[in-house]
Amino acid sequence: MEKITLQVNGTLKTVEVDPETPLLYVLRDNLELKGPKFGCGKGQCGTCTVLIGGEASRSCQIPIGRLSGANIVTLEGLGTSAKPSPVQEAFIIEQAAQCGYCINGMVVTATAFLKQNKNPTDEQIKAALAENLCRCGTHSRIVSAVKRAAKMMA
């Protein structure tokens, strides 16, 4: 067991865990954040996506021991229900969630993507989100939500 300190959603947090524990488990079990979800456990579905240093990263694949001092942002750190981020607000307006399981990864990935591409095409949005799996079929609403968020952020 090791004490590891990181910045999560703007607050310094210290946890005492095995340094090989995946970040996802620390976020969910130790810090009680429920935005990142467990999906496949192999980094292939995107439900566990968080921002690490501003980059979308699969939290199920990253041992906490490699993240001491890292700046991590989860879905909860993007906005609140009273004041959602532009991406969260756009997903709400476009009703882009059906079952909601993939939405954490979609919103977090879209947030990182829109920081790099302020005026994306549909094809660029689809490519950016291609590795985030959605089985419900809300893909067209998700693309519309990302386009709306881009306009809101302009």
Protein backbone atom coordinates (compact mmCIF):
# COMPACT_ATOMS: atom_id res chain seq x y z
CA MET A 1 0.00 0.00 0.00
CA GLU A 2 1.15 3.51 -0.84
CA LYS A 3 -0.17 6.98 -0.18
CA ILE A 4 -0.76 8.69 -3.51
CA THR A 5 -1.86 12.30 -3.92
CA LEU A 6 -3.57 13.58 -7.03
CA GLN A 7 -5.73 16.47 -8.03
CA VAL A 8 -9.24 15.27 -8.84
CA ASN A 9 -11.78 17.77 -10.11
CA GLY A 10 -9.74 20.63 -8.70
CA THR A 11 -9.27 19.17 -5.21
CA LEU A 12 -6.18 17.45 -3.82
CA LYS A 13 -6.98 13.90 -2.78
CA THR A 14 -4.75 11.39 -1.03
CA VAL A 15 -5.54 7.69 -1.13
CA GLU A 16 -3.76 4.71 0.35
CA VAL A 17 -3.92 1.89 -2.17
CA ASP A 18 -1.86 -0.69 -4.01
CA PRO A 19 -0.04 1.37 -6.69
CA GLU A 20 -1.11 -1.17 -9.32
CA THR A 21 -4.80 -0.47 -8.70
CA PRO A 22 -6.43 0.95 -11.83
CA LEU A 23 -7.42 4.61 -11.54
CA LEU A 24 -11.04 3.67 -12.27
CA TYR A 25 -11.32 1.67 -9.03
CA VAL A 26 -9.77 4.46 -6.98
CA LEU A 27 -12.16 7.01 -8.47
CA ARG A 28 -15.24 4.85 -7.92
CA ASP A 29 -14.40 2.96 -4.74
CA ASN A 30 -12.14 5.29 -2.76
CA LEU A 31 -13.36 8.70 -3.98
CA GLU A 32 -16.98 7.66 -4.64
CA LEU A 33 -17.16 9.28 -8.08
CA LYS A 34 -19.69 7.51 -10.28
CA GLY A 35 -19.18 9.31 -13.61
CA PRO A 36 -16.52 6.91 -14.91
CA LYS A 37 -18.09 3.49 -15.38
CA PHE A 38 -16.68 -0.01 -15.62
CA GLY A 39 -17.39 -1.35 -19.08
CA CYS A 40 -14.97 -3.81 -20.58
CA GLY A 41 -11.96 -3.44 -18.27
CA LYS A 42 -9.70 -3.50 -21.34
CA GLY A 43 -9.77 0.14 -22.44
CA GLN A 44 -11.85 -0.69 -25.51
CA CYS A 45 -15.30 0.75 -24.76
CA GLY A 46 -14.65 4.22 -23.32
CA THR A 47 -17.12 4.21 -20.43
CA CYS A 48 -14.28 4.80 -17.96
CA THR A 49 -12.83 7.83 -19.79
CA VAL A 50 -11.47 10.72 -17.72
CA LEU A 51 -9.23 13.67 -18.52
CA ILE A 52 -5.65 13.33 -17.34
CA GLY A 53 -3.74 16.53 -17.96
CA GLY A 54 -6.50 17.53 -20.40
CA GLU A 55 -6.28 14.34 -22.49
CA ALA A 56 -9.04 11.76 -22.69
CA SER A 57 -7.69 8.59 -21.06
CA ARG A 58 -9.10 5.17 -20.18
CA SER A 59 -9.01 5.01 -16.39
CA CYS A 60 -9.40 1.21 -16.28
CA GLN A 61 -5.97 0.79 -17.85
CA ILE A 62 -3.83 3.22 -15.85
CA PRO A 63 -2.29 2.13 -12.54
CA ILE A 64 -2.77 4.79 -9.86
CA GLY A 65 0.93 4.55 -8.96
CA ARG A 66 1.84 6.28 -12.25
CA LEU A 67 -0.39 9.26 -11.52
CA SER A 68 1.03 10.84 -8.38
CA GLY A 69 0.46 14.59 -8.72
CA ALA A 70 -1.63 14.21 -11.87
CA ASN A 71 -4.54 16.52 -12.68
CA ILE A 72 -7.61 14.33 -13.26
CA VAL A 73 -11.05 15.51 -14.29
CA THR A 74 -14.07 13.22 -14.27
CA LEU A 75 -17.57 13.87 -15.58
CA GLU A 76 -18.42 15.34 -12.17
CA GLY A 77 -15.62 17.89 -12.57
CA LEU A 78 -16.88 19.24 -15.90
CA GLY A 79 -20.00 20.85 -14.48
CA THR A 80 -22.92 20.44 -12.11
CA SER A 81 -26.61 19.78 -12.61
CA ALA A 82 -27.22 23.47 -11.84
CA LYS A 83 -24.41 24.65 -14.12
CA PRO A 84 -23.45 21.99 -16.68
CA SER A 85 -20.49 22.45 -18.98
CA PRO A 86 -21.34 23.40 -22.59
CA VAL A 87 -20.81 19.79 -23.67
CA GLN A 88 -23.03 18.44 -20.90
CA GLU A 89 -25.70 21.05 -21.67
CA ALA A 90 -25.62 20.20 -25.38
CA PHE A 91 -26.03 16.49 -24.62
CA ILE A 92 -29.05 17.34 -22.46
CA ILE A 93 -30.63 19.60 -25.08
CA GLU A 94 -30.09 17.07 -27.86
CA GLN A 95 -31.32 14.21 -25.63
CA ALA A 96 -28.19 12.31 -26.60
CA ALA A 97 -28.48 9.66 -23.91
CA GLN A 98 -30.68 6.63 -24.13
CA CYS A 99 -29.46 4.09 -21.57
CA GLY A 100 -26.75 6.56 -20.50
CA TYR A 101 -23.98 4.04 -19.96
CA CYS A 102 -21.64 5.36 -22.66
CA ILE A 103 -22.41 9.03 -22.07
CA ASN A 104 -19.63 9.60 -19.51
CA GLY A 105 -17.04 8.58 -22.07
CA MET A 106 -18.74 10.44 -24.90
CA VAL A 107 -18.97 13.71 -22.93
CA VAL A 108 -15.42 13.51 -21.58
CA THR A 109 -13.94 12.55 -24.96
CA ALA A 110 -15.95 15.28 -26.72
CA THR A 111 -14.70 17.83 -24.16
CA ALA A 112 -11.06 16.98 -24.92
CA PHE A 113 -11.76 16.86 -28.67
CA LEU A 114 -13.45 20.28 -28.75
CA LYS A 115 -10.48 21.87 -27.03
CA GLN A 116 -8.43 20.84 -30.06
CA ASN A 117 -11.03 21.32 -32.81
CA LYS A 118 -13.31 24.33 -32.37
CA ASN A 119 -15.35 23.81 -35.55
CA PRO A 120 -15.46 20.09 -36.36
CA THR A 121 -17.22 18.40 -39.23
CA ASP A 122 -19.55 15.45 -38.70
CA GLU A 123 -16.82 13.12 -39.95
CA GLN A 124 -14.26 14.55 -37.53
CA ILE A 125 -16.70 14.13 -34.63
CA LYS A 126 -17.44 10.54 -35.63
CA ALA A 127 -13.72 9.79 -35.88
CA ALA A 128 -13.01 11.39 -32.49
CA LEU A 129 -15.73 9.32 -30.81
CA ALA A 130 -15.24 6.11 -32.81
CA GLU A 131 -13.60 4.23 -29.95
CA ASN A 132 -16.38 5.07 -27.50
CA LEU A 133 -18.95 2.34 -27.88
CA CYS A 134 -22.68 3.05 -27.81
CA ARG A 135 -25.04 0.14 -28.24
CA CYS A 136 -28.31 2.09 -27.96
CA GLY A 137 -28.13 3.81 -31.32
CA THR A 138 -28.09 7.47 -30.27
CA HIS A 139 -25.10 8.19 -32.51
CA SER A 140 -26.83 10.88 -34.58
CA ARG A 141 -27.94 12.70 -31.41
CA ILE A 142 -24.43 12.46 -29.98
CA VAL A 143 -22.97 14.01 -33.14
CA SER A 144 -25.62 16.75 -32.98
CA ALA A 145 -24.76 17.37 -29.34
CA VAL A 146 -21.05 17.76 -30.09
CA LYS A 147 -21.85 20.16 -32.95
CA ARG A 148 -24.13 22.17 -30.65
CA ALA A 149 -21.45 22.25 -27.94
CA ALA A 150 -18.88 23.52 -30.47
CA LYS A 151 -21.23 26.40 -31.36
CA MET A 152 -21.92 27.12 -27.68
CA MET A 153 -18.19 27.27 -26.96
CA ALA A 154 -17.39 29.53 -29.94
